Amino acid sequence: MAFTRATGKHRRPSRTARTTRNIAGIAGLAATGVVASVASPALAATAPASPQDAGLAHAVVLGDELADHVAAQADAQQAVAEVAAAREKAEDEAKKQAEEAKRRAQEAKEKADKEREAKARAARDEERKRLNAFVAPVTGSYVSTAYKASSGLWSSGSHTGIDFHAATGTPVHAVGAGTVVEAGAGGAYGNNIVIKMHDGTYTQYGHMSSLGVSVGQSVTPGQQIGLSGATGNVTGPHLHFEARTGPDYGSDIDPIAYLRSHGVNV
């Protein structure tokens, strides 16, 4: 049980002051016959105290001592309560600060995760775009012989692909992403490469002087796969390029239309 008492100007007087007033008040009780009357301050000071005066004074002193003891207990309890309240307030503040720091850390982590995911997504999109891109098989060249051109030079009577002007040793590039399904001697095509593209079509590169890839190897758009030359049935160095629906001869489609449909300007 906590005790409280007023402070400041309303604080309970000291025991000495209370005792003085209480003893002085005893004299006022003479009219009731409890104690003798005090005629004057001098008489009160010299007259011997009666047993009643001594008992009453003793009771007053004991009461004051008890009151002081109770007041001291109340002060101690108040001090303990104030310390506990201050500690609780400090703990609450520390808890709030910790929660705020945790919230800010979580927000920072979520922001970093979003930025990282955005970068990863952008990188994937860029890589997908790169892999879906198409390029010309020979950089800066031009078509020297058109598709389906007629001549006795070809066993079928017409050209099954297009020829790109290219001196021997000119770099040849995969027009898109895919997997090499043939790399080596190809009869009239000389040294040739056939690539199965990611879209399921096939591209062929013939009359090459050297090959830079092997069967089963994956290639990316623009990757160098060899050098042009004049191997096989040719009248001079160039690159023979075909687009096909299958890996074998006879499944050719218009290579100009094929490249243009994939964004290549030829």
C-alpha atoms as a PDB file:
ATOM      1  CA  MET A   1       0.000   0.000   0.000  1.00  0.00           C
ATOM      2  CA  ALA A   2       1.497   3.342  -1.073  1.00  0.00           C
ATOM      3  CA  PHE A   3       1.302   6.488   1.080  1.00  0.00           C
ATOM      4  CA  THR A   4       1.498   9.962  -0.291  1.00  0.00           C
ATOM      5  CA  ARG A   5       1.730  13.299   1.371  1.00  0.00           C
ATOM      6  CA  ALA A   6       1.592  16.888   0.338  1.00  0.00           C
ATOM      7  CA  THR A   7       4.791  18.694  -0.499  1.00  0.00           C
ATOM      8  CA  GLY A   8       5.935  22.288  -0.580  1.00  0.00           C
ATOM      9  CA  LYS A   9       4.177  24.824   1.596  1.00  0.00           C
ATOM     10  CA  HIS A  10       1.542  22.235   2.557  1.00  0.00           C
ATOM     11  CA  ARG A  11       4.137  19.753   3.905  1.00  0.00           C
ATOM     12  CA  ARG A  12       3.524  18.436   7.418  1.00  0.00           C
ATOM     13  CA  PRO A  13       5.477  20.495  10.026  1.00  0.00           C
ATOM     14  CA  SER A  14       8.539  18.987  11.636  1.00  0.00           C
ATOM     15  CA  ARG A  15       8.189  16.907  14.753  1.00  0.00           C
ATOM     16  CA  THR A  16       9.779  19.652  16.935  1.00  0.00           C
ATOM     17  CA  ALA A  17       7.331  22.269  15.755  1.00  0.00           C
ATOM     18  CA  ARG A  18       4.368  19.917  16.136  1.00  0.00           C
ATOM     19  CA  THR A  19       5.458  18.867  19.614  1.00  0.00           C
ATOM     20  CA  THR A  20       5.833  22.472  20.738  1.00  0.00           C
ATOM     21  CA  ARG A  21       2.364  23.327  19.506  1.00  0.00           C
ATOM     22  CA  ASN A  22       0.863  20.164  20.982  1.00  0.00           C
ATOM     23  CA  ILE A  23       2.334  20.799  24.439  1.00  0.00           C
ATOM     24  CA  ALA A  24       1.172  24.387  24.302  1.00  0.00           C
ATOM     25  CA  GLY A  25      -2.257  23.120  23.436  1.00  0.00           C
ATOM     26  CA  ILE A  26      -2.317  21.026  26.587  1.00  0.00           C
ATOM     27  CA  ALA A  27      -2.567  24.194  28.643  1.00  0.00           C
ATOM     28  CA  GLY A  28      -5.758  25.044  26.852  1.00  0.00           C
ATOM     29  CA  LEU A  29      -7.368  21.927  28.178  1.00  0.00           C
ATOM     30  CA  ALA A  30      -7.248  23.181  31.802  1.00  0.00           C
ATOM     31  CA  ALA A  31     -10.831  24.398  31.645  1.00  0.00           C
ATOM     32  CA  THR A  32     -11.978  20.837  31.066  1.00  0.00           C
ATOM     33  CA  GLY A  33     -10.268  19.629  34.202  1.00  0.00           C
ATOM     34  CA  VAL A  34      -7.907  17.309  32.307  1.00  0.00           C
ATOM     35  CA  VAL A  35      -4.764  19.345  33.167  1.00  0.00           C
ATOM     36  CA  ALA A  36      -4.037  22.341  35.342  1.00  0.00           C
ATOM     37  CA  SER A  37      -4.234  25.852  33.955  1.00  0.00           C
ATOM     38  CA  VAL A  38      -1.034  27.614  33.014  1.00  0.00           C
ATOM     39  CA  ALA A  39      -1.121  31.170  34.376  1.00  0.00           C
ATOM     40  CA  SER A  40       1.673  32.589  32.310  1.00  0.00           C
ATOM     41  CA  PRO A  41       4.637  31.567  30.143  1.00  0.00           C
ATOM     42  CA  ALA A  42       6.973  31.991  33.102  1.00  0.00           C
ATOM     43  CA  LEU A  43       4.832  29.836  35.361  1.00  0.00           C
ATOM     44  CA  ALA A  44       4.444  27.205  32.671  1.00  0.00           C
ATOM     45  CA  ALA A  45       8.162  27.099  32.227  1.00  0.00           C
ATOM     46  CA  THR A  46       8.921  26.672  35.967  1.00  0.00           C
ATOM     47  CA  ALA A  47       5.991  24.619  37.147  1.00  0.00           C
ATOM     48  CA  PRO A  48       6.653  20.852  37.285  1.00  0.00           C
ATOM     49  CA  ALA A  49       4.757  18.791  34.735  1.00  0.00           C
ATOM     50  CA  SER A  50       1.901  16.768  36.049  1.00  0.00           C
ATOM     51  CA  PRO A  51       1.630  13.058  35.230  1.00  0.00           C
ATOM     52  CA  GLN A  52      -1.181  13.893  32.819  1.00  0.00           C
ATOM     53  CA  ASP A  53       1.003  16.472  31.018  1.00  0.00           C
ATOM     54  CA  ALA A  54       3.882  14.022  30.732  1.00  0.00           C
ATOM     55  CA  GLY A  55       1.653  11.211  29.420  1.00  0.00           C
ATOM     56  CA  LEU A  56      -0.012  13.430  26.869  1.00  0.00           C
ATOM     57  CA  ALA A  57       3.332  14.863  25.706  1.00  0.00           C
ATOM     58  CA  HIS A  58       4.733  11.351  25.434  1.00  0.00           C
ATOM     59  CA  ALA A  59       1.723  10.240  23.388  1.00  0.00           C
ATOM     60  CA  VAL A  60       2.136  13.248  21.102  1.00  0.00           C
ATOM     61  CA  VAL A  61       5.826  12.481  20.585  1.00  0.00           C
ATOM     62  CA  LEU A  62       5.089   8.821  19.812  1.00  0.00           C
ATOM     63  CA  GLY A  63       2.380   9.885  17.367  1.00  0.00           C
ATOM     64  CA  ASP A  64       4.779  12.228  15.659  1.00  0.00           C
ATOM     65  CA  GLU A  65       7.429   9.528  15.418  1.00  0.00           C
ATOM     66  CA  LEU A  66       4.908   7.158  13.859  1.00  0.00           C
ATOM     67  CA  ALA A  67       3.777   9.862  11.432  1.00  0.00           C
ATOM     68  CA  ASP A  68       7.389  10.584  10.444  1.00  0.00           C
ATOM     69  CA  HIS A  69       8.023   6.866   9.966  1.00  0.00           C
ATOM     70  CA  VAL A  70       4.936   6.536   7.772  1.00  0.00           C
ATOM     71  CA  ALA A  71       5.928   9.662   5.831  1.00  0.00           C
ATOM     72  CA  ALA A  72       9.433   8.286   5.301  1.00  0.00           C
ATOM     73  CA  GLN A  73       7.976   5.023   4.018  1.00  0.00           C
ATOM     74  CA  ALA A  74       5.714   6.984   1.668  1.00  0.00           C
ATOM     75  CA  ASP A  75       8.697   8.998   0.402  1.00  0.00           C
ATOM     76  CA  ALA A  76      10.700   5.806  -0.191  1.00  0.00           C
ATOM     77  CA  GLN A  77       7.801   4.164  -1.994  1.00  0.00           C
ATOM     78  CA  GLN A  78       7.305   7.274  -4.112  1.00  0.00           C
ATOM     79  CA  ALA A  79      10.987   7.292  -5.019  1.00  0.00           C
ATOM     80  CA  VAL A  80      10.856   3.612  -5.995  1.00  0.00           C
ATOM     81  CA  ALA A  81       7.735   4.258  -8.068  1.00  0.00           C
ATOM     82  CA  GLU A  82       9.405   7.182  -9.838  1.00  0.00           C
ATOM     83  CA  VAL A  83      12.509   5.102 -10.619  1.00  0.00           C
ATOM     84  CA  ALA A  84      10.332   2.270 -11.927  1.00  0.00           C
ATOM     85  CA  ALA A  85       8.323   4.700 -14.055  1.00  0.00           C
ATOM     86  CA  ALA A  86      11.523   6.242 -15.452  1.00  0.00           C
ATOM     87  CA  ARG A  87      12.912   2.786 -16.231  1.00  0.00           C
ATOM     88  CA  GLU A  88       9.660   1.733 -17.925  1.00  0.00           C
ATOM     89  CA  LYS A  89       9.649   4.920 -19.978  1.00  0.00           C
ATOM     90  CA  ALA A  90      13.266   4.368 -21.029  1.00  0.00           C
ATOM     91  CA  GLU A  91      12.520   0.742 -21.952  1.00  0.00           C
ATOM     92  CA  ASP A  92       9.467   1.801 -23.979  1.00  0.00           C
ATOM     93  CA  GLU A  93      11.535   4.420 -25.817  1.00  0.00           C
ATOM     94  CA  ALA A  94      14.306   1.921 -26.505  1.00  0.00           C
ATOM     95  CA  LYS A  95      11.726  -0.569 -27.777  1.00  0.00           C
ATOM     96  CA  LYS A  96      10.200   2.052 -30.080  1.00  0.00           C
ATOM     97  CA  GLN A  97      13.638   2.985 -31.411  1.00  0.00           C
ATOM     98  CA  ALA A  98      14.482  -0.675 -32.023  1.00  0.00           C
ATOM     99  CA  GLU A  99      11.189  -1.234 -33.838  1.00  0.00           C
ATOM    100  CA  GLU A 100      11.755   1.877 -35.946  1.00  0.00           C
ATOM    101  CA  ALA A 101      15.289   0.756 -36.808  1.00  0.00           C
ATOM    102  CA  LYS A 102      13.952  -2.689 -37.734  1.00  0.00           C
ATOM    103  CA  ARG A 103      11.251  -1.123 -39.909  1.00  0.00           C
ATOM    104  CA  ARG A 104      13.774   1.075 -41.717  1.00  0.00           C
ATOM    105  CA  ALA A 105      16.091  -1.904 -42.237  1.00  0.00           C
ATOM    106  CA  GLN A 106      13.208  -3.946 -43.660  1.00  0.00           C
ATOM    107  CA  GLU A 107      12.236  -1.125 -45.999  1.00  0.00           C
ATOM    108  CA  ALA A 108      15.845  -0.768 -47.132  1.00  0.00           C
ATOM    109  CA  LYS A 109      16.077  -4.520 -47.756  1.00  0.00           C
ATOM    110  CA  GLU A 110      12.823  -4.557 -49.724  1.00  0.00           C
ATOM    111  CA  LYS A 111      13.993  -1.599 -51.787  1.00  0.00           C
ATOM    112  CA  ALA A 112      17.345  -3.276 -52.479  1.00  0.00           C
ATOM    113  CA  ASP A 113      15.557  -6.529 -53.404  1.00  0.00           C
ATOM    114  CA  LYS A 114      13.285  -4.670 -55.815  1.00  0.00           C
ATOM    115  CA  GLU A 115      16.214  -2.857 -57.405  1.00  0.00           C
ATOM    116  CA  ARG A 116      18.164  -6.101 -57.707  1.00  0.00           C
ATOM    117  CA  GLU A 117      15.169  -7.883 -59.239  1.00  0.00           C
ATOM    118  CA  ALA A 118      14.622  -4.984 -61.653  1.00  0.00           C
ATOM    119  CA  LYS A 119      18.258  -5.157 -62.746  1.00  0.00           C
ATOM    120  CA  ALA A 120      18.079  -8.933 -63.127  1.00  0.00           C
ATOM    121  CA  ARG A 121      14.857  -8.644 -65.126  1.00  0.00           C
ATOM    122  CA  ALA A 122      16.397  -5.975 -67.348  1.00  0.00           C
ATOM    123  CA  ALA A 123      19.456  -8.173 -67.867  1.00  0.00           C
ATOM    124  CA  ARG A 124      17.246 -11.152 -68.764  1.00  0.00           C
ATOM    125  CA  ASP A 125      15.231  -9.037 -71.170  1.00  0.00           C
ATOM    126  CA  GLU A 126      18.418  -7.749 -72.754  1.00  0.00           C
ATOM    127  CA  GLU A 127      19.828 -11.250 -73.084  1.00  0.00           C
ATOM    128  CA  ARG A 128      16.548 -12.531 -74.525  1.00  0.00           C
ATOM    129  CA  LYS A 129      16.522  -9.669 -76.978  1.00  0.00           C
ATOM    130  CA  ARG A 130      20.113 -10.378 -77.945  1.00  0.00           C
ATOM    131  CA  LEU A 131      19.447 -14.080 -78.435  1.00  0.00           C
ATOM    132  CA  ASN A 132      16.367 -13.352 -80.527  1.00  0.00           C
ATOM    133  CA  ALA A 133      18.225 -10.871 -82.706  1.00  0.00           C
ATOM    134  CA  PHE A 134      19.399 -11.721 -86.216  1.00  0.00           C
ATOM    135  CA  VAL A 135      22.345 -10.365 -88.190  1.00  0.00           C
ATOM    136  CA  ALA A 136      23.709 -10.717 -91.703  1.00  0.00           C
ATOM    137  CA  PRO A 137      26.124 -13.647 -92.145  1.00  0.00           C
ATOM    138  CA  VAL A 138      28.792 -11.381 -93.639  1.00  0.00           C
ATOM    139  CA  THR A 139      29.208  -7.851 -92.322  1.00  0.00           C
ATOM    140  CA  GLY A 140      29.046  -5.055 -94.897  1.00  0.00           C
ATOM    141  CA  SER A 141      28.567  -7.407 -97.840  1.00  0.00           C
ATOM    142  CA  TYR A 142      25.867  -7.713-100.506  1.00  0.00           C
ATOM    143  CA  VAL A 143      23.997 -10.446-102.357  1.00  0.00           C
ATOM    144  CA  SER A 144      25.893 -11.350-105.525  1.00  0.00           C
ATOM    145  CA  THR A 145      23.599 -14.202-106.675  1.00  0.00           C
ATOM    146  CA  ALA A 146      19.871 -14.205-105.976  1.00  0.00           C
ATOM    147  CA  TYR A 147      17.653 -16.988-104.708  1.00  0.00           C
ATOM    148  CA  LYS A 148      16.226 -19.279-107.457  1.00  0.00           C
ATOM    149  CA  ALA A 149      18.576 -17.875-110.065  1.00  0.00           C
ATOM    150  CA  SER A 150      18.690 -20.286-113.081  1.00  0.00           C
ATOM    151  CA  SER A 151      21.938 -21.843-114.262  1.00  0.00           C
ATOM    152  CA  GLY A 152      23.434 -25.142-115.236  1.00  0.00           C
ATOM    153  CA  LEU A 153      25.915 -24.655-112.419  1.00  0.00           C
ATOM    154  CA  TRP A 154      23.391 -26.125-109.997  1.00  0.00           C
ATOM    155  CA  SER A 155      22.170 -29.698-110.196  1.00  0.00           C
ATOM    156  CA  SER A 156      18.600 -28.639-109.434  1.00  0.00           C
ATOM    157  CA  GLY A 157      18.718 -26.065-112.234  1.00  0.00           C
ATOM    158  CA  SER A 158      18.219 -23.124-109.822  1.00  0.00           C
ATOM    159  CA  HIS A 159      19.980 -21.533-106.885  1.00  0.00           C
ATOM    160  CA  THR A 160      18.721 -22.895-103.543  1.00  0.00           C
ATOM    161  CA  GLY A 161      20.196 -20.042-101.532  1.00  0.00           C
ATOM    162  CA  ILE A 162      21.863 -16.661-101.956  1.00  0.00           C
ATOM    163  CA  ASP A 163      25.550 -15.820-102.380  1.00  0.00           C
ATOM    164  CA  PHE A 164      27.205 -13.078-100.353  1.00  0.00           C
ATOM    165  CA  HIS A 165      30.239 -11.432-101.858  1.00  0.00           C
ATOM    166  CA  ALA A 166      33.223 -12.367 -99.655  1.00  0.00           C
ATOM    167  CA  ALA A 167      36.901 -12.832-100.292  1.00  0.00           C
ATOM    168  CA  THR A 168      38.608 -15.912 -98.908  1.00  0.00           C
ATOM    169  CA  GLY A 169      39.209 -15.511 -95.174  1.00  0.00           C
ATOM    170  CA  THR A 170      36.286 -13.154 -94.549  1.00  0.00           C
ATOM    171  CA  PRO A 171      34.660 -13.819 -91.133  1.00  0.00           C
ATOM    172  CA  VAL A 172      31.301 -15.611 -91.320  1.00  0.00           C
ATOM    173  CA  HIS A 173      28.768 -15.166 -88.510  1.00  0.00           C
ATOM    174  CA  ALA A 174      25.808 -17.176 -87.261  1.00  0.00           C
ATOM    175  CA  VAL A 175      22.744 -15.160 -88.225  1.00  0.00           C
ATOM    176  CA  GLY A 176      20.996 -16.053 -84.959  1.00  0.00           C
ATOM    177  CA  ALA A 177      21.084 -18.256 -81.871  1.00  0.00           C
ATOM    178  CA  GLY A 178      21.015 -22.002 -82.335  1.00  0.00           C
ATOM    179  CA  THR A 179      22.857 -25.317 -82.206  1.00  0.00           C
ATOM    180  CA  VAL A 180      25.293 -26.681 -84.798  1.00  0.00           C
ATOM    181  CA  VAL A 181      23.951 -29.903 -86.353  1.00  0.00           C
ATOM    182  CA  GLU A 182      26.494 -30.253 -89.168  1.00  0.00           C
ATOM    183  CA  ALA A 183      30.074 -29.044 -89.560  1.00  0.00           C
ATOM    184  CA  GLY A 184      32.388 -30.504 -92.216  1.00  0.00           C
ATOM    185  CA  ALA A 185      32.547 -31.524 -95.835  1.00  0.00           C
ATOM    186  CA  GLY A 186      29.229 -31.165 -97.647  1.00  0.00           C
ATOM    187  CA  GLY A 187      29.802 -32.289-101.221  1.00  0.00           C
ATOM    188  CA  ALA A 188      29.082 -29.505-103.690  1.00  0.00           C
ATOM    189  CA  TYR A 189      28.784 -27.105-100.733  1.00  0.00           C
ATOM    190  CA  GLY A 190      32.412 -27.748 -99.783  1.00  0.00           C
ATOM    191  CA  ASN A 191      33.127 -27.088 -96.132  1.00  0.00           C
ATOM    192  CA  ASN A 192      29.746 -26.196 -94.688  1.00  0.00           C
ATOM    193  CA  ILE A 193      27.915 -25.593 -91.427  1.00  0.00           C
ATOM    194  CA  VAL A 194      24.218 -26.206 -90.705  1.00  0.00           C
ATOM    195  CA  ILE A 195      22.643 -24.630 -87.610  1.00  0.00           C
ATOM    196  CA  LYS A 196      19.270 -25.426 -86.100  1.00  0.00           C
ATOM    197  CA  MET A 197      17.893 -22.054 -85.027  1.00  0.00           C
ATOM    198  CA  HIS A 198      15.927 -21.384 -81.859  1.00  0.00           C
ATOM    199  CA  ASP A 199      12.754 -20.856 -83.875  1.00  0.00           C
ATOM    200  CA  GLY A 200      13.043 -24.373 -85.351  1.00  0.00           C
ATOM    201  CA  THR A 201      14.312 -23.332 -88.778  1.00  0.00           C
ATOM    202  CA  TYR A 202      17.776 -24.134 -90.169  1.00  0.00           C
ATOM    203  CA  THR A 203      20.508 -22.042 -91.779  1.00  0.00           C
ATOM    204  CA  GLN A 204      23.395 -23.273 -93.936  1.00  0.00           C
ATOM    205  CA  TYR A 205      26.790 -21.678 -94.661  1.00  0.00           C
ATOM    206  CA  GLY A 206      28.751 -23.173 -97.618  1.00  0.00           C
ATOM    207  CA  HIS A 207      32.098 -23.035 -99.484  1.00  0.00           C
ATOM    208  CA  MET A 208      33.974 -22.005 -96.320  1.00  0.00           C
ATOM    209  CA  SER A 209      37.767 -22.132 -96.135  1.00  0.00           C
ATOM    210  CA  SER A 210      37.782 -23.025 -92.416  1.00  0.00           C
ATOM    211  CA  LEU A 211      35.292 -23.951 -89.723  1.00  0.00           C
ATOM    212  CA  GLY A 212      35.326 -22.589 -86.198  1.00  0.00           C
ATOM    213  CA  VAL A 213      32.541 -24.629 -84.552  1.00  0.00           C
ATOM    214  CA  SER A 214      31.634 -28.279 -84.094  1.00  0.00           C
ATOM    215  CA  VAL A 215      28.458 -30.348 -83.990  1.00  0.00           C
ATOM    216  CA  GLY A 216      26.478 -29.884 -80.782  1.00  0.00           C
ATOM    217  CA  GLN A 217      27.918 -26.449 -80.043  1.00  0.00           C
ATOM    218  CA  SER A 218      25.555 -23.594 -79.208  1.00  0.00           C
ATOM    219  CA  VAL A 219      26.062 -20.323 -81.031  1.00  0.00           C
ATOM    220  CA  THR A 220      24.755 -16.802 -80.486  1.00  0.00           C
ATOM    221  CA  PRO A 221      23.744 -14.109 -82.974  1.00  0.00           C
ATOM    222  CA  GLY A 222      26.793 -12.618 -84.666  1.00  0.00           C
ATOM    223  CA  GLN A 223      29.197 -15.250 -83.329  1.00  0.00           C
ATOM    224  CA  GLN A 224      31.996 -16.024 -85.784  1.00  0.00           C
ATOM    225  CA  ILE A 225      31.690 -19.628 -86.965  1.00  0.00           C
ATOM    226  CA  GLY A 226      34.409 -19.729 -89.620  1.00  0.00           C
ATOM    227  CA  LEU A 227      35.940 -18.053 -92.677  1.00  0.00           C
ATOM    228  CA  SER A 228      34.600 -17.814 -96.202  1.00  0.00           C
ATOM    229  CA  GLY A 229      36.386 -19.511 -99.086  1.00  0.00           C
ATOM    230  CA  ALA A 230      35.994 -21.342-102.392  1.00  0.00           C
ATOM    231  CA  THR A 231      35.642 -25.020-101.416  1.00  0.00           C
ATOM    232  CA  GLY A 232      33.178 -27.310-103.233  1.00  0.00           C
ATOM    233  CA  ASN A 233      31.439 -26.456-106.524  1.00  0.00           C
ATOM    234  CA  VAL A 234      32.276 -22.762-107.056  1.00  0.00           C
ATOM    235  CA  THR A 235      33.612 -20.367-109.653  1.00  0.00           C
ATOM    236  CA  GLY A 236      35.206 -18.116-107.019  1.00  0.00           C
ATOM    237  CA  PRO A 237      35.252 -17.297-103.299  1.00  0.00           C
ATOM    238  CA  HIS A 238      31.953 -16.317-101.705  1.00  0.00           C
ATOM    239  CA  LEU A 239      29.552 -17.440 -98.965  1.00  0.00           C
ATOM    240  CA  HIS A 240      26.577 -19.540 -99.945  1.00  0.00           C
ATOM    241  CA  PHE A 241      23.751 -19.005 -97.427  1.00  0.00           C
ATOM    242  CA  GLU A 242      20.512 -21.000 -97.212  1.00  0.00           C
ATOM    243  CA  ALA A 243      17.425 -20.888 -94.991  1.00  0.00           C
ATOM    244  CA  ARG A 244      15.573 -24.187 -94.586  1.00  0.00           C
ATOM    245  CA  THR A 245      12.620 -25.758 -92.855  1.00  0.00           C
ATOM    246  CA  GLY A 246      14.701 -28.908 -92.229  1.00  0.00           C
ATOM    247  CA  PRO A 247      18.372 -29.858 -92.018  1.00  0.00           C
ATOM    248  CA  ASP A 248      18.629 -31.446 -95.457  1.00  0.00           C
ATOM    249  CA  TYR A 249      18.928 -30.268 -99.020  1.00  0.00           C
ATOM    250  CA  GLY A 250      15.595 -29.577-100.725  1.00  0.00           C
ATOM    251  CA  SER A 251      13.868 -27.915 -97.746  1.00  0.00           C
ATOM    252  CA  ASP A 252      15.060 -24.428 -98.686  1.00  0.00           C
ATOM    253  CA  ILE A 253      12.963 -21.272 -98.300  1.00  0.00           C
ATOM    254  CA  ASP A 254      13.578 -17.746 -99.555  1.00  0.00           C
ATOM    255  CA  PRO A 255      16.622 -16.557 -97.532  1.00  0.00           C
ATOM    256  CA  ILE A 256      16.044 -12.867 -98.305  1.00  0.00           C
ATOM    257  CA  ALA A 257      12.487 -13.023 -96.956  1.00  0.00           C
ATOM    258  CA  TYR A 258      13.744 -15.087 -94.021  1.00  0.00           C
ATOM    259  CA  LEU A 259      16.401 -12.572 -92.985  1.00  0.00           C
ATOM    260  CA  ARG A 260      14.129  -9.577 -93.507  1.00  0.00           C
ATOM    261  CA  SER A 261      11.388 -11.178 -91.398  1.00  0.00           C
ATOM    262  CA  HIS A 262      13.947 -11.210 -88.576  1.00  0.00           C
ATOM    263  CA  GLY A 263      14.893  -7.581 -89.005  1.00  0.00           C
ATOM    264  CA  VAL A 264      18.018  -7.986 -91.163  1.00  0.00           C
ATOM    265  CA  ASN A 265      18.355  -5.418 -93.936  1.00  0.00           C
ATOM    266  CA  VAL A 266      19.574  -7.245 -97.058  1.00  0.00           C
END
